[in-house]
């Protein structure tokens, strides 16, 4: 694959030249713009090469950011050292493309979901699979481990969200409300809430203990391709197939900000996430770009010419201050 040079563009306001004598207000504005852009990663840190087909998913292993796990249509999971760029291990065992990966906070467990409905649980230290589940009849598109690693949530083509006890390998809740495939599931920080997004254009909030749907959001959205939840558990970030990323107030069930510029209209699951200090919003795009917006103003901070093809997944790690992205061209990159 030809080596490419990452290029970035910034919002017009950030690039505007200042002519003549600057006022105090303009100087403060420039300082403010600089401060916001300074924490938004946009420079290539490292490229990771090894997958032979498109890479649909990635997750940092644990909270430290030292290791990065990636899953591909080549049916393998690779674990990379983010400092050296070296591939530390290759996890084999899936017999179909890998759609989703998740890790617990300790970095001890790794979870993967694949196109044949299989969810595998791995020991991230030695790369061995110690359990495999087939609770979904068809493809599993999203998995999320609780921070403790005690339970996981999974969603897929069968329109169900399942919560599974890892130690007993039993489904403790089957959540049914969506009428289309479930593209994304995520636990909140405390693990008592599960958020799911679906092709039926709705977002559901579930009580993970009782299995009851607390709230459903369906307000003129496109098909949902990803959901994320803020650390203070007050906001949900969603990507949908109308080229929009939206920020939702959980208490009101209301969209409070919309971010535009990414391309997300085809059959892919393009994902977004909260970035540095959750003041930056990050998204992949079908045109190969990674976009970063100011969360509060929705101004575009950077558009990174990151990959040659569709950017599926982006993840931010605050401990190592790295942004990771993966794409249809088989490449994986980190940004600082």
C-alpha atoms as a PDB file:
ATOM      1  CA  UNK A   1       0.000   0.000   0.000  1.00  0.00           C
ATOM      2  CA  UNK A   2       1.389   3.352  -0.935  1.00  0.00           C
ATOM      3  CA  UNK A   3       2.428   5.581   1.884  1.00  0.00           C
ATOM      4  CA  UNK A   4       0.250   8.634   2.218  1.00  0.00           C
ATOM      5  CA  UNK A   5       0.821  11.892   3.973  1.00  0.00           C
ATOM      6  CA  UNK A   6      -1.952  12.950   6.286  1.00  0.00           C
ATOM      7  CA  UNK A   7      -3.299  16.361   5.473  1.00  0.00           C
ATOM      8  CA  UNK A   8      -5.582  18.428   7.631  1.00  0.00           C
ATOM      9  CA  UNK A   9      -7.849  21.342   7.034  1.00  0.00           C
ATOM     10  CA  UNK A  10      -9.271  23.535   9.716  1.00  0.00           C
ATOM     11  CA  UNK A  11     -12.347  25.664  10.007  1.00  0.00           C
ATOM     12  CA  UNK A  12     -12.281  28.943   8.156  1.00  0.00           C
ATOM     13  CA  UNK A  13     -12.219  30.902  11.363  1.00  0.00           C
ATOM     14  CA  UNK A  14      -9.068  29.164  12.539  1.00  0.00           C
ATOM     15  CA  UNK A  15      -7.218  29.843   9.279  1.00  0.00           C
ATOM     16  CA  UNK A  16      -8.252  33.442   8.742  1.00  0.00           C
ATOM     17  CA  UNK A  17      -5.398  35.887   8.524  1.00  0.00           C
ATOM     18  CA  UNK A  18      -5.499  38.946  10.778  1.00  0.00           C
ATOM     19  CA  UNK A  19      -4.604  42.127   9.022  1.00  0.00           C
ATOM     20  CA  UNK A  20      -3.739  45.390  10.599  1.00  0.00           C
ATOM     21  CA  UNK A  21      -3.765  46.188  14.290  1.00  0.00           C
ATOM     22  CA  UNK A  22      -5.367  43.500  16.428  1.00  0.00           C
ATOM     23  CA  UNK A  23      -7.859  44.447  19.083  1.00  0.00           C
ATOM     24  CA  UNK A  24      -7.833  42.826  22.503  1.00  0.00           C
ATOM     25  CA  UNK A  25     -10.986  40.934  21.559  1.00  0.00           C
ATOM     26  CA  UNK A  26      -9.440  39.476  18.415  1.00  0.00           C
ATOM     27  CA  UNK A  27      -6.329  38.394  20.314  1.00  0.00           C
ATOM     28  CA  UNK A  28      -8.482  36.629  22.913  1.00  0.00           C
ATOM     29  CA  UNK A  29     -10.447  34.972  20.136  1.00  0.00           C
ATOM     30  CA  UNK A  30      -7.266  33.669  18.545  1.00  0.00           C
ATOM     31  CA  UNK A  31      -6.052  32.348  21.873  1.00  0.00           C
ATOM     32  CA  UNK A  32      -9.370  30.614  22.389  1.00  0.00           C
ATOM     33  CA  UNK A  33      -9.223  29.022  18.938  1.00  0.00           C
ATOM     34  CA  UNK A  34      -5.672  27.885  19.529  1.00  0.00           C
ATOM     35  CA  UNK A  35      -6.530  26.351  22.885  1.00  0.00           C
ATOM     36  CA  UNK A  36      -9.375  24.337  21.351  1.00  0.00           C
ATOM     37  CA  UNK A  37      -7.329  23.106  18.393  1.00  0.00           C
ATOM     38  CA  UNK A  38      -4.313  22.331  20.570  1.00  0.00           C
ATOM     39  CA  UNK A  39      -6.172  19.492  22.298  1.00  0.00           C
ATOM     40  CA  UNK A  40      -7.681  18.140  19.076  1.00  0.00           C
ATOM     41  CA  UNK A  41      -5.415  15.383  17.673  1.00  0.00           C
ATOM     42  CA  UNK A  42      -4.679  15.755  13.974  1.00  0.00           C
ATOM     43  CA  UNK A  43      -1.061  14.694  13.381  1.00  0.00           C
ATOM     44  CA  UNK A  44      -0.216  11.149  12.369  1.00  0.00           C
ATOM     45  CA  UNK A  45       1.392   9.254  15.223  1.00  0.00           C
ATOM     46  CA  UNK A  46       1.777   5.754  13.793  1.00  0.00           C
ATOM     47  CA  UNK A  47       0.581   3.383  11.066  1.00  0.00           C
ATOM     48  CA  UNK A  48      -0.130  -0.293  11.817  1.00  0.00           C
ATOM     49  CA  UNK A  49       0.192  -2.751   8.931  1.00  0.00           C
ATOM     50  CA  UNK A  50      -0.756  -6.417   8.884  1.00  0.00           C
ATOM     51  CA  UNK A  51      -4.431  -6.976   8.109  1.00  0.00           C
ATOM     52  CA  UNK A  52      -5.109  -8.274   4.610  1.00  0.00           C
ATOM     53  CA  UNK A  53      -8.718  -7.043   4.318  1.00  0.00           C
ATOM     54  CA  UNK A  54     -10.813  -4.130   5.574  1.00  0.00           C
ATOM     55  CA  UNK A  55     -10.630  -3.270   9.285  1.00  0.00           C
ATOM     56  CA  UNK A  56     -14.091  -2.561  10.655  1.00  0.00           C
ATOM     57  CA  UNK A  57     -13.459  -2.185  14.368  1.00  0.00           C
ATOM     58  CA  UNK A  58     -10.883  -1.326  17.017  1.00  0.00           C
ATOM     59  CA  UNK A  59     -10.614  -0.819  20.756  1.00  0.00           C
ATOM     60  CA  UNK A  60      -7.869   0.196  23.140  1.00  0.00           C
ATOM     61  CA  UNK A  61      -7.070  -2.727  25.449  1.00  0.00           C
ATOM     62  CA  UNK A  62      -7.687  -1.423  28.949  1.00  0.00           C
ATOM     63  CA  UNK A  63      -7.488   2.227  29.922  1.00  0.00           C
ATOM     64  CA  UNK A  64      -3.727   2.817  29.606  1.00  0.00           C
ATOM     65  CA  UNK A  65      -3.678   3.006  25.812  1.00  0.00           C
ATOM     66  CA  UNK A  66      -0.506   0.940  25.550  1.00  0.00           C
ATOM     67  CA  UNK A  67      -2.217  -1.664  23.401  1.00  0.00           C
ATOM     68  CA  UNK A  68      -4.748  -1.436  20.575  1.00  0.00           C
ATOM     69  CA  UNK A  69      -6.909  -4.314  19.305  1.00  0.00           C
ATOM     70  CA  UNK A  70      -8.238  -4.339  15.738  1.00  0.00           C
ATOM     71  CA  UNK A  71     -10.728  -6.676  14.035  1.00  0.00           C
ATOM     72  CA  UNK A  72     -10.934  -7.327  10.317  1.00  0.00           C
ATOM     73  CA  UNK A  73     -12.816  -9.069   7.533  1.00  0.00           C
ATOM     74  CA  UNK A  74      -9.703 -11.277   7.296  1.00  0.00           C
ATOM     75  CA  UNK A  75     -11.212 -12.999  10.408  1.00  0.00           C
ATOM     76  CA  UNK A  76      -8.300 -12.076  12.658  1.00  0.00           C
ATOM     77  CA  UNK A  77      -7.777  -9.829  15.664  1.00  0.00           C
ATOM     78  CA  UNK A  78      -4.424  -8.114  16.013  1.00  0.00           C
ATOM     79  CA  UNK A  79      -3.069  -6.532  19.183  1.00  0.00           C
ATOM     80  CA  UNK A  80      -0.631  -3.695  18.627  1.00  0.00           C
ATOM     81  CA  UNK A  81       1.811  -1.855  20.848  1.00  0.00           C
ATOM     82  CA  UNK A  82       0.942   1.817  20.304  1.00  0.00           C
ATOM     83  CA  UNK A  83       4.428   2.966  21.333  1.00  0.00           C
ATOM     84  CA  UNK A  84       6.416   0.803  18.912  1.00  0.00           C
ATOM     85  CA  UNK A  85       3.725  -0.001  16.331  1.00  0.00           C
ATOM     86  CA  UNK A  86       4.651  -3.681  16.653  1.00  0.00           C
ATOM     87  CA  UNK A  87       1.982  -6.374  16.344  1.00  0.00           C
ATOM     88  CA  UNK A  88       2.242  -8.258  19.645  1.00  0.00           C
ATOM     89  CA  UNK A  89      -0.178 -11.074  18.817  1.00  0.00           C
ATOM     90  CA  UNK A  90      -2.670 -12.341  16.247  1.00  0.00           C
ATOM     91  CA  UNK A  91      -5.844 -13.940  17.584  1.00  0.00           C
ATOM     92  CA  UNK A  92      -7.385 -16.537  15.301  1.00  0.00           C
ATOM     93  CA  UNK A  93     -10.548 -18.583  15.697  1.00  0.00           C
ATOM     94  CA  UNK A  94     -13.338 -16.636  14.049  1.00  0.00           C
ATOM     95  CA  UNK A  95     -14.648 -18.118  10.805  1.00  0.00           C
ATOM     96  CA  UNK A  96     -16.252 -14.929   9.482  1.00  0.00           C
ATOM     97  CA  UNK A  97     -15.569 -11.191   9.430  1.00  0.00           C
ATOM     98  CA  UNK A  98     -15.206  -9.399  12.761  1.00  0.00           C
ATOM     99  CA  UNK A  99     -17.594  -6.520  13.284  1.00  0.00           C
ATOM    100  CA  UNK A 100     -16.958  -5.487  16.883  1.00  0.00           C
ATOM    101  CA  UNK A 101     -14.327  -5.466  19.639  1.00  0.00           C
ATOM    102  CA  UNK A 102     -14.455  -4.322  23.270  1.00  0.00           C
ATOM    103  CA  UNK A 103     -12.183  -4.506  26.316  1.00  0.00           C
ATOM    104  CA  UNK A 104     -12.677  -4.190  30.060  1.00  0.00           C
ATOM    105  CA  UNK A 105     -10.904  -1.443  32.021  1.00  0.00           C
ATOM    106  CA  UNK A 106      -8.146  -3.736  33.328  1.00  0.00           C
ATOM    107  CA  UNK A 107      -7.211  -4.912  29.847  1.00  0.00           C
ATOM    108  CA  UNK A 108      -7.511  -8.542  30.965  1.00  0.00           C
ATOM    109  CA  UNK A 109     -10.522  -9.464  28.814  1.00  0.00           C
ATOM    110  CA  UNK A 110     -11.205  -8.813  25.153  1.00  0.00           C
ATOM    111  CA  UNK A 111     -14.553  -9.404  23.467  1.00  0.00           C
ATOM    112  CA  UNK A 112     -15.234  -9.856  19.755  1.00  0.00           C
ATOM    113  CA  UNK A 113     -18.405 -10.224  17.693  1.00  0.00           C
ATOM    114  CA  UNK A 114     -18.555 -11.639  14.175  1.00  0.00           C
ATOM    115  CA  UNK A 115     -20.745 -12.038  11.109  1.00  0.00           C
ATOM    116  CA  UNK A 116     -21.845 -15.598  11.909  1.00  0.00           C
ATOM    117  CA  UNK A 117     -23.378 -14.583  15.260  1.00  0.00           C
ATOM    118  CA  UNK A 118     -20.452 -15.701  17.419  1.00  0.00           C
ATOM    119  CA  UNK A 119     -19.140 -13.724  20.394  1.00  0.00           C
ATOM    120  CA  UNK A 120     -15.722 -14.788  21.661  1.00  0.00           C
ATOM    121  CA  UNK A 121     -14.104 -13.868  24.977  1.00  0.00           C
ATOM    122  CA  UNK A 122     -10.327 -13.720  25.028  1.00  0.00           C
ATOM    123  CA  UNK A 123      -7.574 -13.482  27.574  1.00  0.00           C
ATOM    124  CA  UNK A 124      -5.925 -10.344  26.246  1.00  0.00           C
ATOM    125  CA  UNK A 125      -2.626 -11.192  27.950  1.00  0.00           C
ATOM    126  CA  UNK A 126      -1.955 -14.541  26.267  1.00  0.00           C
ATOM    127  CA  UNK A 127      -4.347 -14.238  23.317  1.00  0.00           C
ATOM    128  CA  UNK A 128      -6.276 -17.395  24.162  1.00  0.00           C
ATOM    129  CA  UNK A 129     -10.044 -17.689  23.684  1.00  0.00           C
ATOM    130  CA  UNK A 130     -11.636 -19.029  26.876  1.00  0.00           C
ATOM    131  CA  UNK A 131     -15.319 -18.869  25.895  1.00  0.00           C
ATOM    132  CA  UNK A 132     -17.520 -18.630  22.813  1.00  0.00           C
ATOM    133  CA  UNK A 133     -21.241 -17.785  22.634  1.00  0.00           C
ATOM    134  CA  UNK A 134     -23.847 -18.125  19.896  1.00  0.00           C
ATOM    135  CA  UNK A 135     -26.838 -16.338  21.384  1.00  0.00           C
ATOM    136  CA  UNK A 136     -27.494 -14.364  18.189  1.00  0.00           C
ATOM    137  CA  UNK A 137     -28.850 -16.203  15.165  1.00  0.00           C
ATOM    138  CA  UNK A 138     -27.033 -13.989  12.670  1.00  0.00           C
ATOM    139  CA  UNK A 139     -24.360 -11.275  12.585  1.00  0.00           C
ATOM    140  CA  UNK A 140     -23.260  -9.537  15.783  1.00  0.00           C
ATOM    141  CA  UNK A 141     -22.533  -5.923  14.878  1.00  0.00           C
ATOM    142  CA  UNK A 142     -21.710  -4.483  18.297  1.00  0.00           C
ATOM    143  CA  UNK A 143     -20.400  -5.648  21.687  1.00  0.00           C
ATOM    144  CA  UNK A 144     -19.541  -3.764  24.851  1.00  0.00           C
ATOM    145  CA  UNK A 145     -17.952  -5.110  28.029  1.00  0.00           C
ATOM    146  CA  UNK A 146     -18.803  -3.574  31.375  1.00  0.00           C
ATOM    147  CA  UNK A 147     -15.804  -1.820  32.826  1.00  0.00           C
ATOM    148  CA  UNK A 148     -15.469  -4.585  35.429  1.00  0.00           C
ATOM    149  CA  UNK A 149     -15.662  -7.285  32.754  1.00  0.00           C
ATOM    150  CA  UNK A 150     -18.503  -9.064  34.563  1.00  0.00           C
ATOM    151  CA  UNK A 151     -21.135  -8.671  31.826  1.00  0.00           C
ATOM    152  CA  UNK A 152     -21.349  -7.727  28.195  1.00  0.00           C
ATOM    153  CA  UNK A 153     -24.035  -6.345  25.915  1.00  0.00           C
ATOM    154  CA  UNK A 154     -24.350  -7.430  22.298  1.00  0.00           C
ATOM    155  CA  UNK A 155     -26.545  -6.394  19.395  1.00  0.00           C
ATOM    156  CA  UNK A 156     -26.969  -7.622  15.863  1.00  0.00           C
ATOM    157  CA  UNK A 157     -29.014  -8.527  12.825  1.00  0.00           C
ATOM    158  CA  UNK A 158     -31.801 -10.174  14.851  1.00  0.00           C
ATOM    159  CA  UNK A 159     -32.786  -6.762  16.326  1.00  0.00           C
ATOM    160  CA  UNK A 160     -32.144  -7.996  19.883  1.00  0.00           C
ATOM    161  CA  UNK A 161     -29.893  -6.629  22.599  1.00  0.00           C
ATOM    162  CA  UNK A 162     -28.614  -9.306  24.949  1.00  0.00           C
ATOM    163  CA  UNK A 163     -26.879  -8.867  28.291  1.00  0.00           C
ATOM    164  CA  UNK A 164     -24.696 -11.813  29.208  1.00  0.00           C
ATOM    165  CA  UNK A 165     -23.067 -12.830  32.495  1.00  0.00           C
ATOM    166  CA  UNK A 166     -19.461 -13.645  31.552  1.00  0.00           C
ATOM    167  CA  UNK A 167     -18.782 -16.015  34.464  1.00  0.00           C
ATOM    168  CA  UNK A 168     -21.904 -18.147  33.975  1.00  0.00           C
ATOM    169  CA  UNK A 169     -22.170 -17.711  30.183  1.00  0.00           C
ATOM    170  CA  UNK A 170     -25.895 -17.090  30.556  1.00  0.00           C
ATOM    171  CA  UNK A 171     -28.134 -14.429  29.030  1.00  0.00           C
ATOM    172  CA  UNK A 172     -29.514 -12.418  31.931  1.00  0.00           C
ATOM    173  CA  UNK A 173     -31.639 -10.059  29.812  1.00  0.00           C
ATOM    174  CA  UNK A 174     -32.943 -10.070  26.260  1.00  0.00           C
ATOM    175  CA  UNK A 175     -34.029  -6.593  25.265  1.00  0.00           C
ATOM    176  CA  UNK A 176     -36.670  -6.395  22.555  1.00  0.00           C
ATOM    177  CA  UNK A 177     -38.023  -3.183  21.122  1.00  0.00           C
ATOM    178  CA  UNK A 178     -36.069  -2.418  17.986  1.00  0.00           C
ATOM    179  CA  UNK A 179     -37.615  -3.463  14.683  1.00  0.00           C
ATOM    180  CA  UNK A 180     -34.394  -3.358  12.673  1.00  0.00           C
ATOM    181  CA  UNK A 181     -30.858  -4.627  13.177  1.00  0.00           C
ATOM    182  CA  UNK A 182     -28.979  -3.260  16.191  1.00  0.00           C
ATOM    183  CA  UNK A 183     -25.825  -1.547  14.977  1.00  0.00           C
ATOM    184  CA  UNK A 184     -24.422  -0.256  18.271  1.00  0.00           C
ATOM    185  CA  UNK A 185     -24.628  -0.937  22.025  1.00  0.00           C
ATOM    186  CA  UNK A 186     -22.811   0.719  24.925  1.00  0.00           C
ATOM    187  CA  UNK A 187     -22.933   0.603  28.740  1.00  0.00           C
ATOM    188  CA  UNK A 188     -22.774   3.768  30.779  1.00  0.00           C
ATOM    189  CA  UNK A 189     -19.872   4.221  33.197  1.00  0.00           C
ATOM    190  CA  UNK A 190     -21.633   2.550  36.143  1.00  0.00           C
ATOM    191  CA  UNK A 191     -23.071  -0.245  34.042  1.00  0.00           C
ATOM    192  CA  UNK A 192     -26.702   0.288  35.020  1.00  0.00           C
ATOM    193  CA  UNK A 193     -27.727   1.706  31.650  1.00  0.00           C
ATOM    194  CA  UNK A 194     -27.390   0.319  28.137  1.00  0.00           C
ATOM    195  CA  UNK A 195     -27.858   2.503  25.062  1.00  0.00           C
ATOM    196  CA  UNK A 196     -28.598   0.922  21.687  1.00  0.00           C
ATOM    197  CA  UNK A 197     -28.942   2.281  18.164  1.00  0.00           C
ATOM    198  CA  UNK A 198     -30.720   0.581  15.283  1.00  0.00           C
ATOM    199  CA  UNK A 199     -31.467   0.531  11.579  1.00  0.00           C
ATOM    200  CA  UNK A 200     -35.064   1.344  12.594  1.00  0.00           C
ATOM    201  CA  UNK A 201     -33.753   4.920  13.179  1.00  0.00           C
ATOM    202  CA  UNK A 202     -34.296   4.782  16.944  1.00  0.00           C
ATOM    203  CA  UNK A 203     -32.110   4.996  20.039  1.00  0.00           C
ATOM    204  CA  UNK A 204     -33.212   3.039  23.120  1.00  0.00           C
ATOM    205  CA  UNK A 205     -32.108   3.463  26.730  1.00  0.00           C
ATOM    206  CA  UNK A 206     -32.417   0.306  28.818  1.00  0.00           C
ATOM    207  CA  UNK A 207     -32.221  -0.529  32.512  1.00  0.00           C
ATOM    208  CA  UNK A 208     -29.563  -3.254  32.378  1.00  0.00           C
ATOM    209  CA  UNK A 209     -30.925  -4.974  35.504  1.00  0.00           C
ATOM    210  CA  UNK A 210     -34.649  -5.085  34.801  1.00  0.00           C
ATOM    211  CA  UNK A 211     -34.362  -5.081  31.015  1.00  0.00           C
ATOM    212  CA  UNK A 212     -37.011  -2.376  30.708  1.00  0.00           C
ATOM    213  CA  UNK A 213     -36.801   0.372  28.079  1.00  0.00           C
ATOM    214  CA  UNK A 214     -36.529   3.687  29.923  1.00  0.00           C
ATOM    215  CA  UNK A 215     -36.684   5.929  26.879  1.00  0.00           C
ATOM    216  CA  UNK A 216     -36.830   5.685  23.109  1.00  0.00           C
ATOM    217  CA  UNK A 217     -35.614   8.480  20.840  1.00  0.00           C
ATOM    218  CA  UNK A 218     -36.977   8.537  17.308  1.00  0.00           C
ATOM    219  CA  UNK A 219     -37.046  12.061  15.946  1.00  0.00           C
ATOM    220  CA  UNK A 220     -36.583  12.184  12.175  1.00  0.00           C
ATOM    221  CA  UNK A 221     -33.262  10.333  12.243  1.00  0.00           C
ATOM    222  CA  UNK A 222     -31.572   8.298   9.593  1.00  0.00           C
ATOM    223  CA  UNK A 223     -30.521   4.736  10.331  1.00  0.00           C
ATOM    224  CA  UNK A 224     -28.328   4.774  13.452  1.00  0.00           C
ATOM    225  CA  UNK A 225     -24.784   3.528  12.881  1.00  0.00           C
ATOM    226  CA  UNK A 226     -23.270   4.222  16.318  1.00  0.00           C
ATOM    227  CA  UNK A 227     -24.010   5.472  19.820  1.00  0.00           C
ATOM    228  CA  UNK A 228     -21.682   6.666  22.580  1.00  0.00           C
ATOM    229  CA  UNK A 229     -22.383   8.018  26.064  1.00  0.00           C
ATOM    230  CA  UNK A 230     -20.577  10.807  27.915  1.00  0.00           C
ATOM    231  CA  UNK A 231     -18.628  10.165  31.105  1.00  0.00           C
ATOM    232  CA  UNK A 232     -21.075  12.255  33.148  1.00  0.00           C
ATOM    233  CA  UNK A 233     -23.864  10.072  31.714  1.00  0.00           C
ATOM    234  CA  UNK A 234     -25.921  13.080  30.663  1.00  0.00           C
ATOM    235  CA  UNK A 235     -25.411  12.976  26.894  1.00  0.00           C
ATOM    236  CA  UNK A 236     -25.583  10.493  24.037  1.00  0.00           C
ATOM    237  CA  UNK A 237     -23.677  10.890  20.784  1.00  0.00           C
ATOM    238  CA  UNK A 238     -25.178   9.248  17.700  1.00  0.00           C
ATOM    239  CA  UNK A 239     -24.168   8.810  14.066  1.00  0.00           C
ATOM    240  CA  UNK A 240     -26.830   8.227  11.439  1.00  0.00           C
ATOM    241  CA  UNK A 241     -27.168   7.702   7.704  1.00  0.00           C
ATOM    242  CA  UNK A 242     -28.249  11.259   6.999  1.00  0.00           C
ATOM    243  CA  UNK A 243     -24.655  12.549   7.154  1.00  0.00           C
ATOM    244  CA  UNK A 244     -25.164  13.837  10.704  1.00  0.00           C
ATOM    245  CA  UNK A 245     -23.686  13.292  14.139  1.00  0.00           C
ATOM    246  CA  UNK A 246     -26.007  14.392  16.937  1.00  0.00           C
ATOM    247  CA  UNK A 247     -25.617  15.169  20.633  1.00  0.00           C
ATOM    248  CA  UNK A 248     -28.654  14.267  22.766  1.00  0.00           C
ATOM    249  CA  UNK A 249     -29.612  15.404  26.253  1.00  0.00           C
ATOM    250  CA  UNK A 250     -30.628  12.159  27.977  1.00  0.00           C
ATOM    251  CA  UNK A 251     -32.931  13.822  30.495  1.00  0.00           C
ATOM    252  CA  UNK A 252     -34.928  15.682  27.872  1.00  0.00           C
ATOM    253  CA  UNK A 253     -34.537  13.213  25.020  1.00  0.00           C
ATOM    254  CA  UNK A 254     -33.724  16.219  22.880  1.00  0.00           C
ATOM    255  CA  UNK A 255     -31.055  16.878  20.254  1.00  0.00           C
ATOM    256  CA  UNK A 256     -28.970  19.791  21.529  1.00  0.00           C
ATOM    257  CA  UNK A 257     -26.284  19.921  18.813  1.00  0.00           C
ATOM    258  CA  UNK A 258     -25.758  18.628  15.282  1.00  0.00           C
ATOM    259  CA  UNK A 259     -22.405  18.132  13.553  1.00  0.00           C
ATOM    260  CA  UNK A 260     -22.243  18.027   9.759  1.00  0.00           C
ATOM    261  CA  UNK A 261     -19.587  17.375   7.159  1.00  0.00           C
ATOM    262  CA  UNK A 262     -19.038  13.627   7.429  1.00  0.00           C
ATOM    263  CA  UNK A 263     -20.333  11.255   4.764  1.00  0.00           C
ATOM    264  CA  UNK A 264     -22.532   8.476   6.119  1.00  0.00           C
ATOM    265  CA  UNK A 265     -25.261   7.382   3.725  1.00  0.00           C
ATOM    266  CA  UNK A 266     -24.348   3.977   2.346  1.00  0.00           C
ATOM    267  CA  UNK A 267     -24.496   0.466   3.899  1.00  0.00           C
ATOM    268  CA  UNK A 268     -21.567   0.959   6.256  1.00  0.00           C
ATOM    269  CA  UNK A 269     -21.490   1.460  10.015  1.00  0.00           C
ATOM    270  CA  UNK A 270     -19.579   4.736  10.326  1.00  0.00           C
ATOM    271  CA  UNK A 271     -18.978   5.556  13.973  1.00  0.00           C
ATOM    272  CA  UNK A 272     -18.311   8.631  16.117  1.00  0.00           C
ATOM    273  CA  UNK A 273     -16.993   9.173  19.650  1.00  0.00           C
ATOM    274  CA  UNK A 274     -16.284  11.782  22.303  1.00  0.00           C
ATOM    275  CA  UNK A 275     -12.751  13.152  21.978  1.00  0.00           C
ATOM    276  CA  UNK A 276     -10.379  15.029  24.305  1.00  0.00           C
ATOM    277  CA  UNK A 277     -12.042  16.152  27.547  1.00  0.00           C
ATOM    278  CA  UNK A 278     -15.316  15.420  25.729  1.00  0.00           C
ATOM    279  CA  UNK A 279     -15.077  18.935  24.333  1.00  0.00           C
ATOM    280  CA  UNK A 280     -14.263  17.526  20.898  1.00  0.00           C
ATOM    281  CA  UNK A 281     -16.491  15.284  18.771  1.00  0.00           C
ATOM    282  CA  UNK A 282     -14.803  12.837  16.379  1.00  0.00           C
ATOM    283  CA  UNK A 283     -16.258  10.868  13.464  1.00  0.00           C
ATOM    284  CA  UNK A 284     -15.191   8.645  10.617  1.00  0.00           C
ATOM    285  CA  UNK A 285     -16.498   9.237   7.100  1.00  0.00           C
ATOM    286  CA  UNK A 286     -17.089   7.371   3.843  1.00  0.00           C
ATOM    287  CA  UNK A 287     -14.702   9.702   1.994  1.00  0.00           C
ATOM    288  CA  UNK A 288     -11.679   8.519   4.034  1.00  0.00           C
ATOM    289  CA  UNK A 289     -11.593  11.541   6.333  1.00  0.00           C
ATOM    290  CA  UNK A 290     -11.649  11.803  10.113  1.00  0.00           C
ATOM    291  CA  UNK A 291     -13.522  14.905  11.278  1.00  0.00           C
ATOM    292  CA  UNK A 292     -13.221  16.756  14.579  1.00  0.00           C
ATOM    293  CA  UNK A 293     -15.693  19.393  15.791  1.00  0.00           C
ATOM    294  CA  UNK A 294     -15.906  21.708  18.761  1.00  0.00           C
ATOM    295  CA  UNK A 295     -18.615  20.066  20.848  1.00  0.00           C
ATOM    296  CA  UNK A 296     -20.198  23.308  22.029  1.00  0.00           C
ATOM    297  CA  UNK A 297     -20.146  25.393  18.843  1.00  0.00           C
ATOM    298  CA  UNK A 298     -20.252  22.539  16.270  1.00  0.00           C
ATOM    299  CA  UNK A 299     -17.433  24.316  14.370  1.00  0.00           C
ATOM    300  CA  UNK A 300     -15.222  22.002  12.330  1.00  0.00           C
ATOM    301  CA  UNK A 301     -11.748  21.990  13.892  1.00  0.00           C
ATOM    302  CA  UNK A 302      -9.938  19.514  11.648  1.00  0.00           C
ATOM    303  CA  UNK A 303     -10.646  17.334   8.657  1.00  0.00           C
ATOM    304  CA  UNK A 304      -7.888  14.726   8.479  1.00  0.00           C
ATOM    305  CA  UNK A 305      -7.245  13.059   5.139  1.00  0.00           C
ATOM    306  CA  UNK A 306      -6.694   9.882   7.094  1.00  0.00           C
ATOM    307  CA  UNK A 307      -7.279   6.849   4.863  1.00  0.00           C
ATOM    308  CA  UNK A 308      -7.840   5.873   1.217  1.00  0.00           C
ATOM    309  CA  UNK A 309     -11.355   4.539   1.829  1.00  0.00           C
ATOM    310  CA  UNK A 310     -14.256   4.451   4.308  1.00  0.00           C
ATOM    311  CA  UNK A 311     -13.234   5.198   7.905  1.00  0.00           C
ATOM    312  CA  UNK A 312     -15.386   2.884  10.020  1.00  0.00           C
ATOM    313  CA  UNK A 313     -14.342   3.374  13.629  1.00  0.00           C
ATOM    314  CA  UNK A 314     -12.613   6.090  15.684  1.00  0.00           C
ATOM    315  CA  UNK A 315     -11.609   5.816  19.348  1.00  0.00           C
ATOM    316  CA  UNK A 316     -10.008   8.317  21.708  1.00  0.00           C
ATOM    317  CA  UNK A 317      -7.839   7.282  24.677  1.00  0.00           C
ATOM    318  CA  UNK A 318      -7.294  10.045  27.262  1.00  0.00           C
ATOM    319  CA  UNK A 319      -4.482   8.247  29.116  1.00  0.00           C
ATOM    320  CA  UNK A 320      -2.090   8.120  26.156  1.00  0.00           C
ATOM    321  CA  UNK A 321      -3.788  11.026  24.348  1.00  0.00           C
ATOM    322  CA  UNK A 322      -4.110   9.106  21.099  1.00  0.00           C
ATOM    323  CA  UNK A 323      -6.926   8.932  18.573  1.00  0.00           C
ATOM    324  CA  UNK A 324      -7.191   5.655  16.647  1.00  0.00           C
ATOM    325  CA  UNK A 325      -8.912   5.059  13.304  1.00  0.00           C
ATOM    326  CA  UNK A 326      -9.444   2.089  10.998  1.00  0.00           C
ATOM    327  CA  UNK A 327     -10.702   1.834   7.451  1.00  0.00           C
ATOM    328  CA  UNK A 328     -11.890  -0.199   4.491  1.00  0.00           C
ATOM    329  CA  UNK A 329      -8.436   0.040   2.911  1.00  0.00           C
ATOM    330  CA  UNK A 330      -7.117  -2.285   5.642  1.00  0.00           C
ATOM    331  CA  UNK A 331      -5.129   0.417   7.406  1.00  0.00           C
ATOM    332  CA  UNK A 332      -5.028   1.362  11.074  1.00  0.00           C
ATOM    333  CA  UNK A 333      -3.583   4.653  12.297  1.00  0.00           C
ATOM    334  CA  UNK A 334      -3.172   6.637  15.493  1.00  0.00           C
ATOM    335  CA  UNK A 335      -3.147  10.429  15.743  1.00  0.00           C
ATOM    336  CA  UNK A 336      -1.783  12.842  18.327  1.00  0.00           C
END
